[in-house]
Amino acid sequence: MRVAVLFSGGKDSTLALLRAKEMGHEPRYLATVHSANPESYMYHTPNIGLTVLQSRALGIDLVSKESKGEKEREVEDLKKLLSGLDVEGVVSGAVASRYQKERIERICSELGLESITPLWGEDPESLLKEMLSRGMKIMVTAVCAEGLGPSWLGRILDEDAVLELVEIGRKNGIHLTGEGGEFETAVLDCPAFRMRVRILESEKVWRGDSGFLVVRDAVLEEK
């Protein structure tokens, strides 16, 4: 099936893309909404510009649309983006957010497309371990939860980091894949990337109990 993959450049959308390909689907497009609202209910916002490099690394066309990020109206922006694409289905990396899943399903129904959610309902800890076992290089780009401090910004997830997240999750109730906005990520490399993303310059911004990493310069480099 020809599909568009809702792509933020983070770990969940990347794993959903990998699984969709393994299911036999043909990713024709990476679809990204650039929300002006950092508190968007629907979309990942930190360093969304990295998707340009990631799409080149994957060899898949990137299509995008700007959005003011207004609740519910931002859903219509996604519908407009998808409506002109020659695809039969839409892949998303939703794991536990019914808010996102139901709205994507509604859009797909209205456009006559199939909604494909390869990660839905799976154990978050198992998903993180699978990402590492697949060789995904995942960088934390934003945090907003008790127990996640400035040291997490720019951190590359490894087995120790996953163990720490599990412990923080037990203490503070965070979702281990960051589904509730507890943290955001960017994938710098994975087996499907023809080249890896290299961060040349970045800056940590911390505001009280949350923060984000601003990537000021990045390039693709040969593996």
N, C-alpha and C. Protein backbone atom coordinates (compact mmCIF):
# COMPACT_ATOMS: atom_id res chain seq x y z
N MET A 1 0.83 -1.20 0.00
CA MET A 1 0.00 0.00 0.00
C MET A 1 0.88 1.26 0.00
N ARG A 2 0.55 2.22 -0.83
CA ARG A 2 1.25 3.49 -0.84
C ARG A 2 0.82 4.30 0.38
N VAL A 3 1.79 4.77 1.15
CA VAL A 3 1.43 5.46 2.39
C VAL A 3 2.23 6.76 2.55
N ALA A 4 1.63 7.66 3.33
CA ALA A 4 2.34 8.83 3.86
C ALA A 4 2.59 8.54 5.32
N VAL A 5 3.79 8.86 5.79
CA VAL A 5 4.15 8.63 7.18
C VAL A 5 4.15 9.97 7.90
N LEU A 6 3.32 10.10 8.94
CA LEU A 6 3.35 11.32 9.75
C LEU A 6 4.69 11.32 10.49
N PHE A 7 5.52 12.29 10.16
CA PHE A 7 6.93 12.21 10.56
C PHE A 7 7.37 13.46 11.29
N SER A 8 7.80 13.27 12.55
CA SER A 8 8.32 14.38 13.35
C SER A 8 9.83 14.35 13.42
N GLY A 9 10.42 13.23 12.98
CA GLY A 9 11.85 13.05 13.13
C GLY A 9 12.24 12.42 14.45
N GLY A 10 11.22 12.16 15.31
CA GLY A 10 11.47 11.54 16.60
C GLY A 10 11.45 10.02 16.51
N LYS A 11 11.67 9.40 17.65
CA LYS A 11 11.84 7.95 17.71
C LYS A 11 10.59 7.18 17.32
N ASP A 12 9.41 7.63 17.76
CA ASP A 12 8.19 6.87 17.49
C ASP A 12 7.81 6.88 16.01
N SER A 13 7.86 8.05 15.39
CA SER A 13 7.51 8.10 13.97
C SER A 13 8.54 7.35 13.12
N THR A 14 9.79 7.37 13.57
CA THR A 14 10.82 6.63 12.83
C THR A 14 10.61 5.12 12.94
N LEU A 15 10.31 4.64 14.14
CA LEU A 15 10.05 3.20 14.31
C LEU A 15 8.79 2.80 13.55
N ALA A 16 7.78 3.65 13.57
CA ALA A 16 6.55 3.35 12.82
C ALA A 16 6.86 3.22 11.33
N LEU A 17 7.73 4.09 10.82
CA LEU A 17 8.15 4.02 9.41
C LEU A 17 8.84 2.69 9.13
N LEU A 18 9.78 2.30 9.99
CA LEU A 18 10.51 1.05 9.78
C LEU A 18 9.56 -0.14 9.78
N ARG A 19 8.63 -0.14 10.72
CA ARG A 19 7.70 -1.27 10.81
C ARG A 19 6.75 -1.28 9.62
N ALA A 20 6.32 -0.11 9.17
CA ALA A 20 5.42 -0.05 8.02
C ALA A 20 6.07 -0.65 6.79
N LYS A 21 7.35 -0.38 6.60
CA LYS A 21 8.08 -0.95 5.47
C LYS A 21 8.14 -2.47 5.60
N GLU A 22 8.36 -2.94 6.83
CA GLU A 22 8.42 -4.38 7.06
C GLU A 22 7.06 -5.05 6.85
N MET A 23 5.98 -4.28 7.03
CA MET A 23 4.62 -4.79 6.80
C MET A 23 4.29 -4.85 5.31
N GLY A 24 5.20 -4.32 4.48
CA GLY A 24 5.00 -4.36 3.04
C GLY A 24 4.47 -3.08 2.44
N HIS A 25 4.33 -2.03 3.25
CA HIS A 25 3.85 -0.75 2.73
C HIS A 25 4.98 0.02 2.05
N GLU A 26 4.60 0.91 1.17
CA GLU A 26 5.55 1.72 0.41
C GLU A 26 5.44 3.18 0.85
N PRO A 27 6.38 3.66 1.67
CA PRO A 27 6.33 5.06 2.10
C PRO A 27 6.65 6.00 0.95
N ARG A 28 5.65 6.72 0.48
CA ARG A 28 5.84 7.66 -0.61
C ARG A 28 6.26 9.04 -0.10
N TYR A 29 5.74 9.41 1.08
CA TYR A 29 6.00 10.73 1.62
C TYR A 29 6.21 10.67 3.14
N LEU A 30 7.01 11.60 3.63
CA LEU A 30 7.05 11.94 5.04
C LEU A 30 6.24 13.22 5.17
N ALA A 31 5.22 13.22 6.01
CA ALA A 31 4.33 14.38 6.14
C ALA A 31 4.54 15.03 7.50
N THR A 32 4.88 16.32 7.47
CA THR A 32 5.21 17.04 8.69
C THR A 32 4.44 18.34 8.78
N VAL A 33 3.81 18.58 9.92
CA VAL A 33 3.14 19.85 10.18
C VAL A 33 4.04 20.68 11.09
N HIS A 34 4.34 21.90 10.67
CA HIS A 34 5.16 22.81 11.46
C HIS A 34 4.22 23.71 12.28
N SER A 35 4.09 23.38 13.55
CA SER A 35 3.17 24.13 14.41
C SER A 35 3.87 25.32 15.05
N ALA A 36 3.21 26.48 15.02
CA ALA A 36 3.74 27.67 15.67
C ALA A 36 3.50 27.65 17.18
N ASN A 37 2.74 26.67 17.63
CA ASN A 37 2.39 26.56 19.05
C ASN A 37 3.25 25.47 19.70
N PRO A 38 4.20 25.85 20.58
CA PRO A 38 5.03 24.83 21.23
C PRO A 38 4.27 23.90 22.15
N GLU A 39 3.03 24.28 22.49
CA GLU A 39 2.18 23.44 23.34
C GLU A 39 1.15 22.68 22.51
N SER A 40 1.43 22.47 21.25
CA SER A 40 0.50 21.79 20.36
C SER A 40 0.04 20.45 20.93
N TYR A 41 -1.25 20.18 20.79
CA TYR A 41 -1.82 18.91 21.24
C TYR A 41 -1.49 17.78 20.27
N MET A 42 -1.16 18.14 19.05
CA MET A 42 -1.02 17.13 18.00
C MET A 42 0.42 16.90 17.54
N TYR A 43 1.23 17.95 17.55
CA TYR A 43 2.48 17.87 16.80
C TYR A 43 3.72 18.14 17.65
N HIS A 44 4.77 17.44 17.28
CA HIS A 44 6.10 17.62 17.84
C HIS A 44 6.66 18.92 17.28
N THR A 45 7.27 19.75 18.13
CA THR A 45 7.79 21.02 17.62
C THR A 45 9.30 21.22 17.74
N PRO A 46 10.01 20.68 18.77
CA PRO A 46 11.45 20.98 18.89
C PRO A 46 12.26 20.50 17.68
N ASN A 47 12.97 21.42 17.08
CA ASN A 47 13.90 21.10 15.97
C ASN A 47 13.24 20.35 14.83
N ILE A 48 12.00 20.73 14.52
CA ILE A 48 11.28 20.05 13.46
C ILE A 48 11.99 20.21 12.11
N GLY A 49 12.85 21.24 12.02
CA GLY A 49 13.59 21.47 10.79
C GLY A 49 14.56 20.35 10.44
N LEU A 50 14.92 19.52 11.43
CA LEU A 50 15.82 18.40 11.15
C LEU A 50 15.19 17.38 10.20
N THR A 51 13.86 17.43 10.05
CA THR A 51 13.20 16.48 9.15
C THR A 51 13.67 16.64 7.71
N VAL A 52 14.16 17.83 7.36
CA VAL A 52 14.69 18.04 6.01
C VAL A 52 15.91 17.15 5.78
N LEU A 53 16.82 17.12 6.76
CA LEU A 53 17.99 16.27 6.66
C LEU A 53 17.60 14.79 6.75
N GLN A 54 16.67 14.48 7.65
CA GLN A 54 16.27 13.08 7.83
C GLN A 54 15.60 12.52 6.58
N SER A 55 14.81 13.34 5.91
CA SER A 55 14.16 12.85 4.68
C SER A 55 15.20 12.56 3.61
N ARG A 56 16.23 13.39 3.54
CA ARG A 56 17.31 13.14 2.58
C ARG A 56 18.05 11.86 2.95
N ALA A 57 18.27 11.66 4.25
CA ALA A 57 18.95 10.45 4.71
C ALA A 57 18.14 9.20 4.38
N LEU A 58 16.82 9.32 4.45
CA LEU A 58 15.94 8.19 4.17
C LEU A 58 15.67 8.01 2.68
N GLY A 59 15.85 9.07 1.90
CA GLY A 59 15.53 9.01 0.49
C GLY A 59 14.04 9.01 0.22
N ILE A 60 13.27 9.68 1.09
CA ILE A 60 11.82 9.76 0.95
C ILE A 60 11.42 11.23 0.92
N ASP A 61 10.56 11.60 -0.03
CA ASP A 61 10.14 13.00 -0.18
C ASP A 61 9.44 13.50 1.08
N LEU A 62 9.76 14.74 1.45
CA LEU A 62 9.14 15.39 2.60
C LEU A 62 8.13 16.41 2.12
N VAL A 63 6.91 16.34 2.67
CA VAL A 63 5.91 17.37 2.41
C VAL A 63 5.53 17.97 3.76
N SER A 64 5.31 19.27 3.78
CA SER A 64 5.04 19.92 5.06
C SER A 64 4.04 21.06 4.90
N LYS A 65 3.49 21.47 6.04
CA LYS A 65 2.54 22.57 6.05
C LYS A 65 2.68 23.34 7.35
N GLU A 66 2.58 24.66 7.26
CA GLU A 66 2.62 25.49 8.45
C GLU A 66 1.26 25.47 9.14
N SER A 67 1.27 25.59 10.46
CA SER A 67 0.03 25.64 11.24
C SER A 67 0.20 26.61 12.39
N LYS A 68 -0.87 27.33 12.72
CA LYS A 68 -0.82 28.21 13.89
C LYS A 68 -0.87 27.41 15.19
N GLY A 69 -1.23 26.13 15.08
CA GLY A 69 -1.26 25.28 16.25
C GLY A 69 -2.48 25.47 17.13
N GLU A 70 -3.56 25.99 16.56
CA GLU A 70 -4.78 26.19 17.33
C GLU A 70 -5.50 24.86 17.50
N LYS A 71 -5.94 24.58 18.71
CA LYS A 71 -6.58 23.31 19.02
C LYS A 71 -7.71 23.02 18.05
N GLU A 72 -7.76 21.82 17.55
CA GLU A 72 -8.72 21.31 16.56
C GLU A 72 -8.47 21.88 15.16
N ARG A 73 -8.23 23.18 15.03
CA ARG A 73 -7.95 23.73 13.71
C ARG A 73 -6.67 23.16 13.14
N GLU A 74 -5.71 22.83 14.03
CA GLU A 74 -4.46 22.26 13.55
C GLU A 74 -4.67 20.88 12.93
N VAL A 75 -5.75 20.22 13.32
CA VAL A 75 -6.09 18.94 12.71
C VAL A 75 -6.49 19.13 11.25
N GLU A 76 -7.20 20.20 10.98
CA GLU A 76 -7.60 20.50 9.60
C GLU A 76 -6.39 20.83 8.73
N ASP A 77 -5.36 21.40 9.35
CA ASP A 77 -4.13 21.67 8.59
C ASP A 77 -3.50 20.36 8.12
N LEU A 78 -3.54 19.35 8.97
CA LEU A 78 -3.03 18.03 8.57
C LEU A 78 -3.87 17.45 7.44
N LYS A 79 -5.17 17.62 7.54
CA LYS A 79 -6.07 17.10 6.49
C LYS A 79 -5.75 17.75 5.14
N LYS A 80 -5.49 19.05 5.15
CA LYS A 80 -5.14 19.75 3.91
C LYS A 80 -3.84 19.22 3.34
N LEU A 81 -2.89 18.93 4.21
CA LEU A 81 -1.60 18.42 3.75
C LEU A 81 -1.75 17.05 3.09
N LEU A 82 -2.55 16.20 3.70
CA LEU A 82 -2.70 14.83 3.20
C LEU A 82 -3.61 14.72 1.98
N SER A 83 -4.51 15.69 1.83
CA SER A 83 -5.55 15.56 0.80
C SER A 83 -5.01 15.53 -0.62
N GLY A 84 -3.85 16.11 -0.84
CA GLY A 84 -3.34 16.16 -2.21
C GLY A 84 -2.33 15.09 -2.55
N LEU A 85 -2.16 14.12 -1.66
CA LEU A 85 -1.12 13.11 -1.87
C LEU A 85 -1.66 11.84 -2.52
N ASP A 86 -0.85 11.25 -3.38
CA ASP A 86 -1.24 10.02 -4.06
C ASP A 86 -0.89 8.82 -3.18
N VAL A 87 -1.69 8.62 -2.14
CA VAL A 87 -1.46 7.51 -1.21
C VAL A 87 -2.78 6.84 -0.87
N GLU A 88 -2.66 5.66 -0.29
CA GLU A 88 -3.84 4.89 0.12
C GLU A 88 -3.99 4.82 1.64
N GLY A 89 -2.91 5.15 2.36
CA GLY A 89 -2.96 5.05 3.81
C GLY A 89 -2.03 6.04 4.47
N VAL A 90 -2.21 6.17 5.80
CA VAL A 90 -1.40 7.10 6.60
C VAL A 90 -0.85 6.34 7.80
N VAL A 91 0.46 6.41 7.98
CA VAL A 91 1.13 5.74 9.10
C VAL A 91 1.42 6.76 10.18
N SER A 92 1.11 6.43 11.43
CA SER A 92 1.44 7.32 12.55
C SER A 92 2.10 6.52 13.66
N GLY A 93 2.86 7.22 14.48
CA GLY A 93 3.60 6.58 15.56
C GLY A 93 2.91 6.64 16.90
N ALA A 94 1.60 6.81 16.91
CA ALA A 94 0.86 6.88 18.17
C ALA A 94 1.03 5.58 18.96
N VAL A 95 1.27 5.74 20.26
CA VAL A 95 1.44 4.59 21.15
C VAL A 95 0.28 4.47 22.12
N ALA A 96 -0.10 5.60 22.75
CA ALA A 96 -1.15 5.54 23.76
C ALA A 96 -2.09 6.75 23.74
N SER A 97 -1.80 7.73 22.89
CA SER A 97 -2.61 8.95 22.87
C SER A 97 -3.88 8.76 22.03
N ARG A 98 -5.00 8.56 22.71
CA ARG A 98 -6.26 8.44 21.98
C ARG A 98 -6.62 9.74 21.30
N TYR A 99 -6.24 10.86 21.89
CA TYR A 99 -6.51 12.18 21.29
C TYR A 99 -5.95 12.22 19.87
N GLN A 100 -4.68 11.86 19.72
CA GLN A 100 -4.05 11.89 18.40
C GLN A 100 -4.62 10.81 17.48
N LYS A 101 -4.73 9.61 18.00
CA LYS A 101 -5.17 8.49 17.18
C LYS A 101 -6.57 8.71 16.62
N GLU A 102 -7.50 9.18 17.45
CA GLU A 102 -8.87 9.37 16.99
C GLU A 102 -8.97 10.46 15.93
N ARG A 103 -8.17 11.51 16.08
CA ARG A 103 -8.23 12.60 15.10
C ARG A 103 -7.60 12.19 13.77
N ILE A 104 -6.53 11.43 13.85
CA ILE A 104 -5.92 10.93 12.61
C ILE A 104 -6.88 9.97 11.91
N GLU A 105 -7.55 9.11 12.67
CA GLU A 105 -8.52 8.18 12.08
C GLU A 105 -9.68 8.92 11.43
N ARG A 106 -10.10 10.02 12.05
CA ARG A 106 -11.21 10.80 11.47
C ARG A 106 -10.79 11.40 10.14
N ILE A 107 -9.59 11.98 10.11
CA ILE A 107 -9.10 12.56 8.86
C ILE A 107 -9.01 11.49 7.77
N CYS A 108 -8.47 10.34 8.14
CA CYS A 108 -8.33 9.26 7.15
C CYS A 108 -9.69 8.82 6.63
N SER A 109 -10.66 8.73 7.53
CA SER A 109 -12.01 8.33 7.11
C SER A 109 -12.59 9.35 6.13
N GLU A 110 -12.39 10.63 6.41
CA GLU A 110 -12.93 11.68 5.54
C GLU A 110 -12.24 11.71 4.17
N LEU A 111 -10.96 11.28 4.14
CA LEU A 111 -10.21 11.30 2.89
C LEU A 111 -10.20 9.95 2.17
N GLY A 112 -10.85 8.95 2.78
CA GLY A 112 -10.88 7.62 2.18
C GLY A 112 -9.55 6.89 2.28
N LEU A 113 -8.80 7.16 3.34
CA LEU A 113 -7.49 6.54 3.54
C LEU A 113 -7.53 5.58 4.73
N GLU A 114 -6.60 4.64 4.75
CA GLU A 114 -6.50 3.71 5.87
C GLU A 114 -5.52 4.26 6.90
N SER A 115 -5.90 4.22 8.17
CA SER A 115 -5.03 4.64 9.25
C SER A 115 -4.24 3.44 9.76
N ILE A 116 -2.92 3.56 9.77
CA ILE A 116 -2.04 2.46 10.17
C ILE A 116 -1.23 2.91 11.38
N THR A 117 -1.36 2.19 12.49
CA THR A 117 -0.67 2.56 13.73
C THR A 117 0.15 1.37 14.23
N PRO A 118 1.35 1.19 13.70
CA PRO A 118 2.14 -0.01 14.01
C PRO A 118 2.56 -0.15 15.47
N LEU A 119 2.56 0.94 16.24
CA LEU A 119 3.03 0.89 17.63
C LEU A 119 1.92 0.91 18.65
N TRP A 120 0.69 1.03 18.21
CA TRP A 120 -0.42 1.30 19.11
C TRP A 120 -0.59 0.22 20.19
N GLY A 121 -0.68 0.67 21.43
CA GLY A 121 -0.99 -0.22 22.55
C GLY A 121 0.16 -1.07 23.03
N GLU A 122 1.35 -0.89 22.47
CA GLU A 122 2.48 -1.74 22.87
C GLU A 122 3.14 -1.23 24.15
N ASP A 123 3.86 -2.11 24.82
CA ASP A 123 4.54 -1.77 26.06
C ASP A 123 5.64 -0.75 25.78
N PRO A 124 5.62 0.42 26.45
CA PRO A 124 6.59 1.47 26.16
C PRO A 124 8.04 1.05 26.40
N GLU A 125 8.29 0.33 27.47
CA GLU A 125 9.67 -0.10 27.75
C GLU A 125 10.17 -1.03 26.66
N SER A 126 9.32 -1.92 26.20
CA SER A 126 9.71 -2.83 25.12
C SER A 126 9.99 -2.07 23.83
N LEU A 127 9.22 -1.02 23.58
CA LEU A 127 9.45 -0.21 22.38
C LEU A 127 10.81 0.47 22.45
N LEU A 128 11.15 1.05 23.59
CA LEU A 128 12.44 1.71 23.73
C LEU A 128 13.58 0.72 23.51
N LYS A 129 13.45 -0.47 24.09
CA LYS A 129 14.50 -1.48 23.93
C LYS A 129 14.60 -1.94 22.47
N GLU A 130 13.47 -2.02 21.80
CA GLU A 130 13.50 -2.40 20.38
C GLU A 130 14.22 -1.34 19.55
N MET A 131 13.96 -0.07 19.87
CA MET A 131 14.62 1.01 19.14
C MET A 131 16.13 0.91 19.26
N LEU A 132 16.60 0.63 20.46
CA LEU A 132 18.04 0.49 20.67
C LEU A 132 18.59 -0.73 19.95
N SER A 133 17.85 -1.84 20.01
CA SER A 133 18.32 -3.07 19.38
C SER A 133 18.38 -2.94 17.87
N ARG A 134 17.57 -2.04 17.31
CA ARG A 134 17.58 -1.80 15.87
C ARG A 134 18.72 -0.88 15.45
N GLY A 135 19.43 -0.32 16.41
CA GLY A 135 20.52 0.57 16.08
C GLY A 135 20.12 2.01 15.85
N MET A 136 18.97 2.42 16.41
CA MET A 136 18.55 3.80 16.28
C MET A 136 19.35 4.68 17.25
N LYS A 137 19.90 5.77 16.74
CA LYS A 137 20.60 6.75 17.58
C LYS A 137 19.62 7.87 17.87
N ILE A 138 19.20 7.95 19.14
CA ILE A 138 18.11 8.83 19.53
C ILE A 138 18.61 9.88 20.50
N MET A 139 18.41 11.15 20.16
CA MET A 139 18.84 12.25 21.01
C MET A 139 17.63 12.93 21.66
N VAL A 140 17.71 13.19 22.95
CA VAL A 140 16.65 13.90 23.65
C VAL A 140 16.75 15.39 23.33
N THR A 141 15.64 15.97 22.87
CA THR A 141 15.65 17.37 22.44
C THR A 141 14.81 18.28 23.32
N ALA A 142 13.97 17.71 24.19
CA ALA A 142 13.16 18.53 25.09
C ALA A 142 12.69 17.67 26.26
N VAL A 143 12.54 18.28 27.43
CA VAL A 143 12.03 17.58 28.60
C VAL A 143 11.05 18.48 29.34
N CYS A 144 10.03 17.85 29.89
CA CYS A 144 9.03 18.60 30.64
C CYS A 144 8.35 17.65 31.62
N ALA A 145 9.11 17.20 32.63
CA ALA A 145 8.56 16.27 33.62
C ALA A 145 9.49 16.22 34.82
N GLU A 146 8.91 15.99 35.98
CA GLU A 146 9.70 15.86 37.19
C GLU A 146 10.67 14.68 37.05
N GLY A 147 11.92 14.93 37.39
CA GLY A 147 12.94 13.88 37.28
C GLY A 147 13.78 13.98 36.04
N LEU A 148 13.35 14.81 35.09
CA LEU A 148 14.11 15.00 33.85
C LEU A 148 14.68 16.42 33.86
N GLY A 149 15.98 16.53 34.13
CA GLY A 149 16.62 17.83 34.25
C GLY A 149 17.41 18.21 33.01
N PRO A 150 18.17 19.33 33.10
CA PRO A 150 18.94 19.83 31.95
C PRO A 150 19.94 18.82 31.39
N SER A 151 20.43 17.91 32.25
CA SER A 151 21.42 16.94 31.77
C SER A 151 20.86 16.00 30.71
N TRP A 152 19.53 15.91 30.61
CA TRP A 152 18.93 15.04 29.61
C TRP A 152 18.94 15.68 28.22
N LEU A 153 19.04 16.98 28.15
CA LEU A 153 19.01 17.65 26.85
C LEU A 153 20.28 17.32 26.06
N GLY A 154 20.10 16.78 24.88
CA GLY A 154 21.21 16.36 24.04
C GLY A 154 21.73 14.97 24.36
N ARG A 155 21.14 14.33 25.37
CA ARG A 155 21.60 12.99 25.75
C ARG A 155 21.18 11.96 24.71
N ILE A 156 22.06 11.04 24.41
CA ILE A 156 21.75 9.94 23.49
C ILE A 156 21.22 8.77 24.32
N LEU A 157 20.07 8.27 23.94
CA LEU A 157 19.47 7.17 24.69
C LEU A 157 20.28 5.88 24.50
N ASP A 158 20.59 5.24 25.63
CA ASP A 158 21.24 3.94 25.62
C ASP A 158 20.58 3.09 26.70
N GLU A 159 21.13 1.94 26.98
CA GLU A 159 20.50 1.04 27.96
C GLU A 159 20.42 1.69 29.34
N ASP A 160 21.46 2.41 29.75
CA ASP A 160 21.44 3.07 31.05
C ASP A 160 20.35 4.14 31.11
N ALA A 161 20.21 4.89 30.02
CA ALA A 161 19.19 5.93 29.98
C ALA A 161 17.79 5.33 30.07
N VAL A 162 17.57 4.20 29.40
CA VAL A 162 16.27 3.54 29.47
C VAL A 162 15.97 3.07 30.89
N LEU A 163 16.98 2.51 31.56
CA LEU A 163 16.80 2.08 32.95
C LEU A 163 16.44 3.27 33.84
N GLU A 164 17.10 4.41 33.60
CA GLU A 164 16.79 5.61 34.37
C GLU A 164 15.36 6.09 34.10
N LEU A 165 14.95 6.03 32.84
CA LEU A 165 13.59 6.44 32.50
C LEU A 165 12.56 5.54 33.17
N VAL A 166 12.84 4.25 33.22
CA VAL A 166 11.93 3.31 33.88
C VAL A 166 11.79 3.67 35.36
N GLU A 167 12.91 3.98 36.01
CA GLU A 167 12.87 4.33 37.43
C GLU A 167 12.14 5.65 37.65
N ILE A 168 12.41 6.64 36.79
CA ILE A 168 11.72 7.93 36.89
C ILE A 168 10.23 7.74 36.64
N GLY A 169 9.90 6.85 35.70
CA GLY A 169 8.50 6.57 35.42
C GLY A 169 7.79 5.98 36.61
N ARG A 170 8.45 5.09 37.32
CA ARG A 170 7.85 4.48 38.51
C ARG A 170 7.61 5.51 39.60
N LYS A 171 8.55 6.43 39.74
CA LYS A 171 8.45 7.44 40.80
C LYS A 171 7.45 8.55 40.46
N ASN A 172 7.49 8.99 39.21
CA ASN A 172 6.75 10.20 38.84
C ASN A 172 5.64 9.99 37.83
N GLY A 173 5.49 8.75 37.37
CA GLY A 173 4.36 8.45 36.49
C GLY A 173 4.48 8.94 35.07
N ILE A 174 5.70 9.17 34.58
CA ILE A 174 5.83 9.62 33.20
C ILE A 174 5.64 8.44 32.25
N HIS A 175 5.18 8.74 31.04
CA HIS A 175 5.06 7.72 30.02
C HIS A 175 6.43 7.49 29.42
N LEU A 176 6.86 6.25 29.31
CA LEU A 176 8.23 5.94 28.93
C LEU A 176 8.58 6.31 27.49
N THR A 177 7.58 6.51 26.65
CA THR A 177 7.89 6.98 25.31
C THR A 177 7.64 8.49 25.18
N GLY A 178 7.31 9.14 26.29
CA GLY A 178 7.07 10.57 26.26
C GLY A 178 5.77 10.94 25.58
N GLU A 179 4.83 10.03 25.56
CA GLU A 179 3.56 10.24 24.84
C GLU A 179 2.79 11.43 25.39
N GLY A 180 3.00 11.74 26.65
CA GLY A 180 2.29 12.88 27.25
C GLY A 180 3.07 14.18 27.18
N GLY A 181 4.12 14.22 26.36
CA GLY A 181 4.93 15.42 26.22
C GLY A 181 6.03 15.52 27.25
N GLU A 182 6.28 14.42 27.99
CA GLU A 182 7.32 14.44 29.02
C GLU A 182 8.72 14.67 28.43
N PHE A 183 8.95 14.16 27.24
CA PHE A 183 10.21 14.44 26.54
C PHE A 183 10.02 14.24 25.05
N GLU A 184 10.90 14.88 24.28
CA GLU A 184 10.88 14.77 22.82
C GLU A 184 12.25 14.32 22.34
N THR A 185 12.28 13.74 21.15
CA THR A 185 13.53 13.20 20.64
C THR A 185 13.74 13.51 19.16
N ALA A 186 14.95 13.32 18.72
CA ALA A 186 15.29 13.38 17.29
C ALA A 186 16.18 12.19 16.98
N VAL A 187 15.90 11.51 15.88
CA VAL A 187 16.69 10.36 15.47
C VAL A 187 17.82 10.84 14.56
N LEU A 188 19.05 10.55 14.96
CA LEU A 188 20.23 10.99 14.20
C LEU A 188 20.72 9.91 13.25
N ASP A 189 20.35 8.67 13.52
CA ASP A 189 20.78 7.59 12.65
C ASP A 189 19.92 6.36 12.90
N CYS A 190 19.77 5.54 11.90
CA CYS A 190 19.11 4.24 12.02
C CYS A 190 19.46 3.45 10.76
N PRO A 191 19.19 2.15 10.75
CA PRO A 191 19.59 1.34 9.59
C PRO A 191 19.04 1.82 8.26
N ALA A 192 17.89 2.49 8.28
CA ALA A 192 17.29 2.95 7.02
C ALA A 192 17.91 4.25 6.52
N PHE A 193 18.70 4.92 7.34
CA PHE A 193 19.35 6.16 6.92
C PHE A 193 20.54 5.84 6.02
N ARG A 194 20.61 6.49 4.88
CA ARG A 194 21.76 6.33 3.99
C ARG A 194 22.97 7.11 4.52
N MET A 195 22.68 8.19 5.24
CA MET A 195 23.70 9.00 5.91
C MET A 195 23.20 9.32 7.31
N ARG A 196 24.11 9.70 8.19
CA ARG A 196 23.70 10.04 9.55
C ARG A 196 23.66 11.56 9.72
N VAL A 197 22.85 12.00 10.68
CA VAL A 197 22.77 13.42 11.01
C VAL A 197 23.83 13.73 12.06
N ARG A 198 24.61 14.75 11.81
CA ARG A 198 25.63 15.18 12.77
C ARG A 198 25.29 16.59 13.25
N ILE A 199 25.18 16.76 14.57
CA ILE A 199 24.90 18.06 15.15
C ILE A 199 26.20 18.82 15.31
N LEU A 200 26.29 19.99 14.68
CA LEU A 200 27.50 20.79 14.74
C LEU A 200 27.44 21.84 15.85
N GLU A 201 26.26 22.39 16.06
CA GLU A 201 26.12 23.44 17.08
C GLU A 201 24.73 23.37 17.68
N SER A 202 24.67 23.43 19.01
CA SER A 202 23.38 23.40 19.70
C SER A 202 23.48 24.19 20.99
N GLU A 203 22.32 24.51 21.54
CA GLU A 203 22.26 25.29 22.78
C GLU A 203 21.11 24.78 23.65
N LYS A 204 21.40 24.62 24.93
CA LYS A 204 20.36 24.21 25.87
C LYS A 204 19.63 25.45 26.39
N VAL A 205 18.31 25.37 26.42
CA VAL A 205 17.49 26.44 26.97
C VAL A 205 16.67 25.84 28.11
N TRP A 206 16.83 26.37 29.31
CA TRP A 206 16.13 25.83 30.49
C TRP A 206 15.27 26.92 31.12
N ARG A 207 14.01 26.58 31.36
CA ARG A 207 13.06 27.55 31.91
C ARG A 207 12.32 26.94 33.10
N GLY A 208 12.92 27.06 34.27
CA GLY A 208 12.27 26.61 35.48
C GLY A 208 12.30 25.10 35.66
N ASP A 209 11.30 24.43 35.13
CA ASP A 209 11.21 22.98 35.29
C ASP A 209 11.12 22.25 33.95
N SER A 210 11.46 22.94 32.89
CA SER A 210 11.44 22.30 31.57
C SER A 210 12.47 22.98 30.68
N GLY A 211 12.79 22.34 29.58
CA GLY A 211 13.75 22.94 28.67
C GLY A 211 13.81 22.23 27.34
N PHE A 212 14.59 22.80 26.42
CA PHE A 212 14.71 22.20 25.10
C PHE A 212 16.09 22.51 24.53
N LEU A 213 16.46 21.71 23.57
CA LEU A 213 17.74 21.86 22.90
C LEU A 213 17.50 22.53 21.55
N VAL A 214 18.16 23.64 21.32
CA VAL A 214 18.05 24.33 20.04
C VAL A 214 19.23 23.89 19.16
N VAL A 215 18.94 23.20 18.08
CA VAL A 215 19.99 22.80 17.14
C VAL A 215 20.19 23.95 16.16
N ARG A 216 21.37 24.55 16.21
CA ARG A 216 21.65 25.71 15.37
C ARG A 216 22.29 25.33 14.04
N ASP A 217 22.97 24.19 14.02
CA ASP A 217 23.60 23.77 12.78
C ASP A 217 23.74 22.25 12.78
N ALA A 218 23.42 21.63 11.67
CA ALA A 218 23.53 20.18 11.54
C ALA A 218 23.76 19.85 10.07
N VAL A 219 24.42 18.72 9.84
CA VAL A 219 24.71 18.29 8.47
C VAL A 219 24.51 16.78 8.37
N LEU A 220 24.47 16.30 7.14
CA LEU A 220 24.52 14.86 6.90
C LEU A 220 25.95 14.46 6.61
N GLU A 221 26.34 13.31 7.14
CA GLU A 221 27.67 12.81 6.88
C GLU A 221 27.61 11.33 6.50
N GLU A 222 28.59 10.90 5.77
CA GLU A 222 28.65 9.49 5.36
C GLU A 222 28.83 8.59 6.58
N LYS A 223 28.28 7.39 6.49
CA LYS A 223 28.45 6.41 7.58
C LYS A 223 29.80 5.72 7.42
